[in-house]
Amino acid sequence: MTTRTSDAVAAVASAGLVAPGGPVSPVIVSEASWTRFLMACEEHRVLGLLPVAERLGLIDFAEYQRSAVELRLRHWLSHDLAVERMAQAVVGALEVAGIEYRLLKGVVLANSLYPDPSMRVFSDVDVLVRSSEFTRAANLIAASPEAGGLGALRALPELRPGFDDRFGREVLLRSGSIEIDLHRTLVDGPYGLRVNLQDLFDAPRTVTLGGQEVLTVGRSAQFLHACFSAVLGEWPPRLMVLRDVVELLGSDRHAVDAAEVLQMAGRWRAQPVVALAVNLALDTLRAGPRHDLVGWARGFAAGPVERLLLRTYRGRARGYTSQLASLAAVPGLAQKASFLHAITRPSPEYLRARGFRRGERVRRALGLVKP
């Protein structure tokens, strides 16, 4: 019997994981649903797991299906190599300028966590710098090569002058077809503002990228970031980010210390995020890694305020609701007033770049919130 597309993609995402329920029925994708299935695998970034699923006997491809997978995977891996080269260029420019950095997310996970980097495709460069160097780093990446930069173009102006350094998560820059996400913190909204940013620079590790050693965050910070991506990023989350959580829990080479993770999560007031991410990843992928964090997450109960904050990261208006919920994490009345003024009265340059008229951003947010 043909497997439903969503179930088929979830089965691919869990390929190679130990499922507590025993053998999994092989995936059967009909010709009629093949294009939809392949597009969903791309959307969820599990394309690199399709060869693994076939090798394990979880899916049986017709010849035309295998050829289509190989073609799409070659396209993604070619893009990933270009992203890796760009990551090396970004790191090189920051190092020359004396700007401390930490490379993040897909490019690091693919080249350190997974047995074969082709298993974990990614789309862009994510790099973190300190708040004090945030604007300087953005200007450097946007500078011409003659000035030591990369000539990347900033996608949007600042919401209001000074907003990025105090409250912003990232600046998006583009160099050709490659996006560079320059991070100040890990996510938007209240949980992004709660992050103890020094934790992201303590205990750095190195990963080899094209023969070059580059810096990334420590193991506990990496695990927390994976949890943030799983439940505070896109909703519903991509299956590959859920796979990252499971891989980090079950990895012998990248063992995550439960006590250290929970101490760091406590400093960030992010225990509800960790529990939700772990439970969601295990339930969705039917995985059962043996780790102390699994038992802790199963028994954790978030309070009403935290459940409310988590809900602001879901739904059509999550970009607006989580930003508004940031007021709960912004310290002091003066800072809260400054933050609220920025998100409700963006600069004319920002509005023009978004194609908004004055007041339209607020009206659009209210329209998305309505049921």
Protein backbone atom coordinates (compact mmCIF):
# COMPACT_ATOMS: atom_id res chain seq x y z
CA MET A 1 0.00 0.00 0.00
CA THR A 2 1.27 3.49 -0.86
CA THR A 3 2.64 5.40 2.14
CA ARG A 4 1.12 8.82 2.89
CA THR A 5 3.59 11.57 1.92
CA SER A 6 3.98 13.03 5.42
CA ASP A 7 4.59 9.56 6.89
CA ALA A 8 7.05 8.72 4.13
CA VAL A 9 9.10 11.87 4.73
CA ALA A 10 9.11 11.25 8.51
CA ALA A 11 10.34 7.70 7.88
CA VAL A 12 13.20 9.07 5.78
CA ALA A 13 14.04 11.59 8.51
CA SER A 14 14.37 8.76 11.03
CA ALA A 15 16.49 6.50 8.80
CA GLY A 16 19.24 4.85 10.84
CA LEU A 17 17.81 5.79 14.23
CA VAL A 18 16.86 3.10 16.71
CA ALA A 19 13.06 2.97 16.85
CA PRO A 20 11.58 1.64 20.11
CA GLY A 21 8.57 0.14 18.31
CA GLY A 22 10.54 -2.44 16.36
CA PRO A 23 10.75 -2.81 12.54
CA VAL A 24 9.30 -0.03 10.43
CA SER A 25 7.18 -0.81 7.36
CA PRO A 26 9.03 0.00 4.12
CA VAL A 27 8.09 3.28 2.46
CA ILE A 28 6.24 2.96 -0.85
CA VAL A 29 5.91 6.15 -2.89
CA SER A 30 3.58 6.01 -5.88
CA GLU A 31 4.33 7.67 -9.18
CA ALA A 32 1.44 10.07 -8.60
CA SER A 33 2.83 11.30 -5.28
CA TRP A 34 6.53 11.12 -6.16
CA THR A 35 7.02 14.81 -7.06
CA ARG A 36 5.23 15.92 -3.90
CA PHE A 37 7.31 13.51 -1.82
CA LEU A 38 10.62 14.69 -3.29
CA MET A 39 9.69 18.34 -2.79
CA ALA A 40 8.76 17.62 0.84
CA CYS A 41 12.14 15.91 1.37
CA GLU A 42 13.83 19.05 0.08
CA GLU A 43 11.66 21.33 2.21
CA HIS A 44 12.48 19.33 5.34
CA ARG A 45 16.18 19.12 4.34
CA VAL A 46 16.19 15.29 4.57
CA LEU A 47 17.20 14.78 0.95
CA GLY A 48 20.64 13.54 2.05
CA LEU A 49 18.99 10.79 4.11
CA LEU A 50 17.25 9.23 1.09
CA PRO A 51 20.31 7.14 0.10
CA VAL A 52 20.59 6.03 3.74
CA ALA A 53 16.93 4.99 3.77
CA GLU A 54 17.39 3.02 0.55
CA ARG A 55 20.55 1.33 1.82
CA LEU A 56 18.72 0.25 4.99
CA GLY A 57 15.81 -1.14 3.00
CA LEU A 58 13.37 1.48 4.28
CA ILE A 59 12.46 2.61 0.76
CA ASP A 60 12.65 1.00 -2.65
CA PHE A 61 13.18 3.37 -5.55
CA ALA A 62 12.18 2.83 -9.14
CA GLU A 63 15.01 3.73 -11.50
CA TYR A 64 13.48 7.09 -12.46
CA GLN A 65 13.07 7.92 -8.76
CA ARG A 66 16.67 7.06 -7.96
CA SER A 67 17.85 9.25 -10.86
CA ALA A 68 15.72 12.14 -9.62
CA VAL A 69 17.16 11.80 -6.10
CA GLU A 70 20.72 11.74 -7.40
CA LEU A 71 20.10 14.83 -9.55
CA ARG A 72 18.56 16.87 -6.72
CA LEU A 73 21.15 15.73 -4.21
CA ARG A 74 23.99 16.71 -6.57
CA HIS A 75 22.42 20.15 -6.87
CA TRP A 76 22.21 20.55 -3.08
CA LEU A 77 25.72 19.24 -2.44
CA SER A 78 27.12 21.58 -5.07
CA HIS A 79 25.35 24.46 -3.31
CA ASP A 80 26.67 23.26 0.05
CA LEU A 81 30.24 23.32 -1.23
CA ALA A 82 29.71 26.92 -2.35
CA VAL A 83 28.27 27.73 1.10
CA GLU A 84 31.31 26.16 2.78
CA ARG A 85 33.64 28.27 0.64
CA MET A 86 31.65 31.36 1.59
CA ALA A 87 31.81 30.37 5.26
CA GLN A 88 35.60 30.14 4.97
CA ALA A 89 35.68 33.57 3.33
CA VAL A 90 33.49 35.10 6.06
CA VAL A 91 35.62 33.55 8.79
CA GLY A 92 38.79 34.74 7.08
CA ALA A 93 37.53 38.32 6.82
CA LEU A 94 36.46 38.35 10.48
CA GLU A 95 39.78 36.92 11.65
CA VAL A 96 41.77 39.51 9.71
CA ALA A 97 39.64 42.25 11.28
CA GLY A 98 40.16 40.78 14.76
CA ILE A 99 36.46 40.02 15.25
CA GLU A 100 35.73 36.98 17.39
CA TYR A 101 33.20 34.61 15.79
CA ARG A 102 31.50 31.23 16.13
CA LEU A 103 30.23 29.35 13.09
CA LEU A 104 26.77 27.84 13.64
CA LYS A 105 24.10 25.43 12.45
CA GLY A 106 24.05 23.35 9.26
CA VAL A 107 27.56 23.77 7.95
CA VAL A 108 28.99 22.81 11.36
CA LEU A 109 26.55 19.94 12.02
CA ALA A 110 27.11 18.40 8.60
CA ASN A 111 30.88 18.45 8.98
CA SER A 112 31.10 17.26 12.59
CA LEU A 113 27.97 15.45 13.80
CA TYR A 114 26.95 13.25 10.89
CA PRO A 115 29.05 10.30 9.65
CA ASP A 116 28.89 11.65 6.10
CA PRO A 117 28.40 15.42 5.46
CA SER A 118 26.12 14.61 2.51
CA MET A 119 23.52 13.33 5.00
CA ARG A 120 22.88 16.84 6.31
CA VAL A 121 22.22 19.40 3.54
CA PHE A 122 22.04 23.10 4.44
CA SER A 123 21.33 26.35 2.67
CA ASP A 124 23.28 29.28 4.12
CA VAL A 125 26.12 30.54 6.30
CA ASP A 126 25.31 31.21 9.95
CA VAL A 127 27.95 32.97 11.99
CA LEU A 128 27.78 34.59 15.44
CA VAL A 129 29.71 37.63 16.68
CA ARG A 130 29.60 39.60 19.92
CA SER A 131 27.04 42.39 20.31
CA SER A 132 29.83 44.94 20.60
CA GLU A 133 31.15 43.87 17.17
CA PHE A 134 27.81 43.24 15.49
CA THR A 135 27.50 46.39 13.40
CA ARG A 136 31.20 46.41 12.56
CA ALA A 137 31.00 42.80 11.37
CA ALA A 138 27.93 43.52 9.23
CA ASN A 139 29.64 46.53 7.66
CA LEU A 140 32.77 44.46 7.03
CA ILE A 141 30.91 41.66 5.23
CA ALA A 142 29.12 44.29 3.15
CA ALA A 143 32.36 46.16 2.34
CA SER A 144 34.09 45.78 -1.01
CA PRO A 145 36.85 43.18 -1.43
CA GLU A 146 39.31 46.05 -1.77
CA ALA A 147 38.33 47.14 1.74
CA GLY A 148 38.72 43.61 3.11
CA GLY A 149 35.04 42.71 2.86
CA LEU A 150 32.96 40.35 0.73
CA GLY A 151 30.74 42.83 -1.10
CA ALA A 152 27.58 41.21 0.28
CA LEU A 153 24.32 43.15 0.18
CA ARG A 154 22.22 43.70 3.27
CA ALA A 155 18.66 42.44 2.65
CA LEU A 156 16.89 44.99 4.89
CA PRO A 157 17.84 48.21 6.66
CA GLU A 158 17.83 48.31 10.44
CA LEU A 159 14.37 48.51 12.01
CA ARG A 160 15.49 51.71 13.72
CA PRO A 161 19.03 53.03 14.35
CA GLY A 162 20.65 51.13 17.23
CA PHE A 163 18.03 48.35 17.28
CA ASP A 164 20.34 45.60 15.99
CA ASP A 165 23.05 46.01 18.61
CA ARG A 166 20.59 46.01 21.51
CA PHE A 167 17.71 43.76 20.48
CA GLY A 168 18.36 42.17 17.09
CA ARG A 169 18.87 38.50 16.36
CA GLU A 170 20.64 38.67 13.00
CA VAL A 171 21.41 40.63 9.89
CA LEU A 172 20.77 38.89 6.58
CA LEU A 173 23.29 39.61 3.82
CA ARG A 174 23.44 38.12 0.32
CA SER A 175 26.44 37.38 -1.84
CA GLY A 176 25.21 36.13 -5.19
CA SER A 177 22.93 33.16 -4.49
CA ILE A 178 24.29 32.59 -0.98
CA GLU A 179 22.77 34.03 2.18
CA ILE A 180 24.92 34.99 5.15
CA ASP A 181 23.08 35.18 8.47
CA LEU A 182 25.16 37.25 10.87
CA HIS A 183 23.89 36.48 14.37
CA ARG A 184 23.97 38.47 17.59
CA THR A 185 21.83 35.89 19.39
CA LEU A 186 20.15 32.61 18.42
CA VAL A 187 16.47 33.42 17.87
CA ASP A 188 14.04 36.31 17.85
CA GLY A 189 11.61 36.95 20.67
CA PRO A 190 11.88 36.58 24.43
CA TYR A 191 13.99 33.44 24.44
CA GLY A 192 16.55 35.06 22.15
CA LEU A 193 16.86 38.00 24.53
CA ARG A 194 17.24 35.65 27.51
CA VAL A 195 20.30 33.90 26.07
CA ASN A 196 23.45 34.48 28.12
CA LEU A 197 25.57 35.53 25.16
CA GLN A 198 28.86 34.87 26.97
CA ASP A 199 27.94 31.17 27.08
CA LEU A 200 28.14 31.14 23.28
CA PHE A 201 31.78 32.23 23.37
CA ASP A 202 32.94 30.11 26.29
CA ALA A 203 34.44 26.63 25.71
CA PRO A 204 34.75 26.94 21.92
CA ARG A 205 35.41 23.90 19.74
CA THR A 206 36.92 23.58 16.29
CA VAL A 207 35.56 21.87 13.20
CA THR A 208 37.44 21.21 9.97
CA LEU A 209 35.96 22.91 6.96
CA GLY A 210 37.72 22.34 3.65
CA GLY A 211 40.97 21.66 5.46
CA GLN A 212 40.61 24.81 7.57
CA GLU A 213 40.00 24.79 11.33
CA VAL A 214 37.12 27.11 12.25
CA LEU A 215 35.55 27.91 15.61
CA THR A 216 32.09 26.91 16.77
CA VAL A 217 30.23 26.97 20.09
CA GLY A 218 30.65 24.45 22.91
CA ARG A 219 28.64 21.23 23.00
CA SER A 220 25.99 22.38 25.48
CA ALA A 221 25.43 25.64 23.61
CA GLN A 222 25.20 23.70 20.35
CA PHE A 223 22.56 21.40 21.82
CA LEU A 224 20.54 24.33 23.16
CA HIS A 225 20.77 26.00 19.76
CA ALA A 226 19.47 22.81 18.12
CA CYS A 227 16.54 22.83 20.56
CA PHE A 228 15.85 26.50 19.79
CA SER A 229 15.87 25.78 16.05
CA ALA A 230 13.51 22.86 16.57
CA VAL A 231 10.72 24.72 18.36
CA LEU A 232 11.39 28.47 18.11
CA GLY A 233 12.24 28.68 14.41
CA GLU A 234 9.92 27.63 11.63
CA TRP A 235 6.64 26.08 12.71
CA PRO A 236 5.96 23.29 12.09
CA PRO A 237 9.68 22.58 12.33
CA ARG A 238 11.70 20.99 9.59
CA LEU A 239 12.29 17.32 10.28
CA MET A 240 16.05 17.72 9.84
CA VAL A 241 16.31 20.06 12.82
CA LEU A 242 14.46 17.47 14.90
CA ARG A 243 16.96 14.89 13.64
CA ASP A 244 19.78 17.18 14.83
CA VAL A 245 18.38 17.06 18.38
CA VAL A 246 18.22 13.25 18.32
CA GLU A 247 21.69 12.93 16.81
CA LEU A 248 23.18 15.15 19.51
CA LEU A 249 21.48 13.10 22.21
CA GLY A 250 22.62 9.78 20.78
CA SER A 251 26.12 10.68 19.64
CA ASP A 252 29.09 9.03 21.34
CA ARG A 253 31.55 11.36 19.64
CA HIS A 254 29.60 14.46 20.61
CA ALA A 255 28.29 13.48 24.03
CA VAL A 256 26.08 16.12 25.63
CA ASP A 257 26.41 16.45 29.40
CA ALA A 258 22.89 16.61 30.88
CA ALA A 259 23.88 18.52 34.01
CA GLU A 260 25.79 21.15 32.02
CA VAL A 261 22.95 21.54 29.51
CA LEU A 262 20.39 22.05 32.29
CA GLN A 263 22.63 24.55 34.10
CA MET A 264 23.00 26.56 30.91
CA ALA A 265 19.30 26.26 30.12
CA GLY A 266 18.61 27.54 33.64
CA ARG A 267 20.75 30.63 33.02
CA TRP A 268 18.78 31.23 29.84
CA ARG A 269 15.43 30.35 31.45
CA ALA A 270 14.99 27.99 28.52
CA GLN A 271 14.15 24.67 30.21
CA PRO A 272 10.67 24.62 28.57
CA VAL A 273 12.30 24.97 25.15
CA VAL A 274 14.65 22.04 25.79
CA ALA A 275 11.89 19.79 27.11
CA LEU A 276 9.56 20.57 24.21
CA ALA A 277 12.30 20.06 21.61
CA VAL A 278 13.44 16.73 23.06
CA ASN A 279 9.91 15.36 23.38
CA LEU A 280 8.86 16.57 19.93
CA ALA A 281 11.98 15.14 18.27
CA LEU A 282 11.65 11.73 19.95
CA ASP A 283 7.91 11.44 19.29
CA THR A 284 8.09 12.60 15.67
CA LEU A 285 11.05 10.42 14.69
CA ARG A 286 10.11 7.49 16.94
CA ALA A 287 13.63 7.52 18.33
CA GLY A 288 14.78 6.27 21.71
CA PRO A 289 18.32 7.42 22.53
CA ARG A 290 19.55 6.55 26.01
CA HIS A 291 20.29 9.88 27.66
CA ASP A 292 19.52 11.48 31.02
CA LEU A 293 17.87 14.43 29.26
CA VAL A 294 15.20 12.11 27.85
CA GLY A 295 13.85 11.12 31.27
CA TRP A 296 14.08 14.72 32.46
CA ALA A 297 12.16 16.03 29.43
CA ARG A 298 9.44 13.39 29.79
CA GLY A 299 8.81 14.52 33.36
CA PHE A 300 9.09 18.30 32.80
CA ALA A 301 6.00 20.51 33.04
CA ALA A 302 6.21 24.13 31.89
CA GLY A 303 4.38 26.81 33.85
CA PRO A 304 1.53 28.89 32.36
CA VAL A 305 3.71 31.90 31.53
CA GLU A 306 6.27 29.77 29.71
CA ARG A 307 3.54 27.92 27.81
CA LEU A 308 2.19 31.29 26.71
CA LEU A 309 5.64 32.45 25.56
CA LEU A 310 6.14 29.24 23.60
CA ARG A 311 2.80 29.74 21.84
CA THR A 312 3.94 33.13 20.55
CA TYR A 313 6.42 31.27 18.32
CA ARG A 314 3.62 29.42 16.51
CA GLY A 315 0.95 30.34 13.99
CA ARG A 316 0.82 32.61 10.98
CA ALA A 317 1.75 35.71 12.98
CA ARG A 318 4.62 34.13 14.95
CA GLY A 319 7.14 36.66 13.65
CA TYR A 320 5.04 39.45 15.16
CA THR A 321 3.73 37.74 18.30
CA SER A 322 7.14 36.49 19.43
CA GLN A 323 8.60 39.94 18.82
CA LEU A 324 5.88 41.58 20.88
CA ALA A 325 6.42 38.98 23.62
CA SER A 326 10.03 40.18 23.78
CA LEU A 327 8.80 42.95 26.04
CA ALA A 328 8.71 40.34 28.81
CA ALA A 329 12.48 39.86 28.46
CA VAL A 330 13.58 43.46 27.82
CA PRO A 331 14.86 44.91 31.12
CA GLY A 332 13.73 48.29 32.47
CA LEU A 333 10.92 50.62 31.47
CA ALA A 334 13.15 52.84 29.32
CA GLN A 335 14.44 49.89 27.31
CA LYS A 336 10.93 48.47 26.96
CA ALA A 337 9.70 51.84 25.65
CA SER A 338 12.57 52.01 23.17
CA PHE A 339 11.89 48.46 21.96
CA LEU A 340 8.15 49.06 21.60
CA HIS A 341 8.74 52.30 19.70
CA ALA A 342 11.07 50.52 17.28
CA ILE A 343 8.72 47.66 16.43
CA THR A 344 5.64 49.87 16.10
CA ARG A 345 7.34 52.84 14.40
CA PRO A 346 10.01 51.43 12.06
CA SER A 347 12.24 53.80 10.12
CA PRO A 348 11.03 55.05 6.70
CA GLU A 349 13.98 53.22 5.08
CA TYR A 350 12.87 49.91 6.59
CA LEU A 351 9.25 50.42 5.55
CA ARG A 352 10.25 51.28 1.97
CA ALA A 353 12.44 48.18 1.75
CA ARG A 354 9.53 46.00 2.92
CA GLY A 355 7.06 47.78 0.64
CA PHE A 356 5.00 48.95 3.63
CA ARG A 357 3.31 52.28 4.18
CA ARG A 358 3.27 53.90 7.61
CA GLY A 359 1.08 51.82 9.92
CA GLU A 360 0.71 48.97 7.44
CA ARG A 361 3.10 46.70 9.34
CA VAL A 362 0.94 46.90 12.46
CA ARG A 363 -2.26 46.36 10.45
CA ARG A 364 -0.77 43.33 8.74
CA ALA A 365 0.29 41.87 12.09
CA LEU A 366 -3.23 42.34 13.48
CA GLY A 367 -4.68 40.71 10.38
CA LEU A 368 -2.48 37.63 10.81
CA VAL A 369 -3.38 37.30 14.46
CA LYS A 370 -7.12 37.19 13.70
CA PRO A 371 -8.51 33.63 13.42
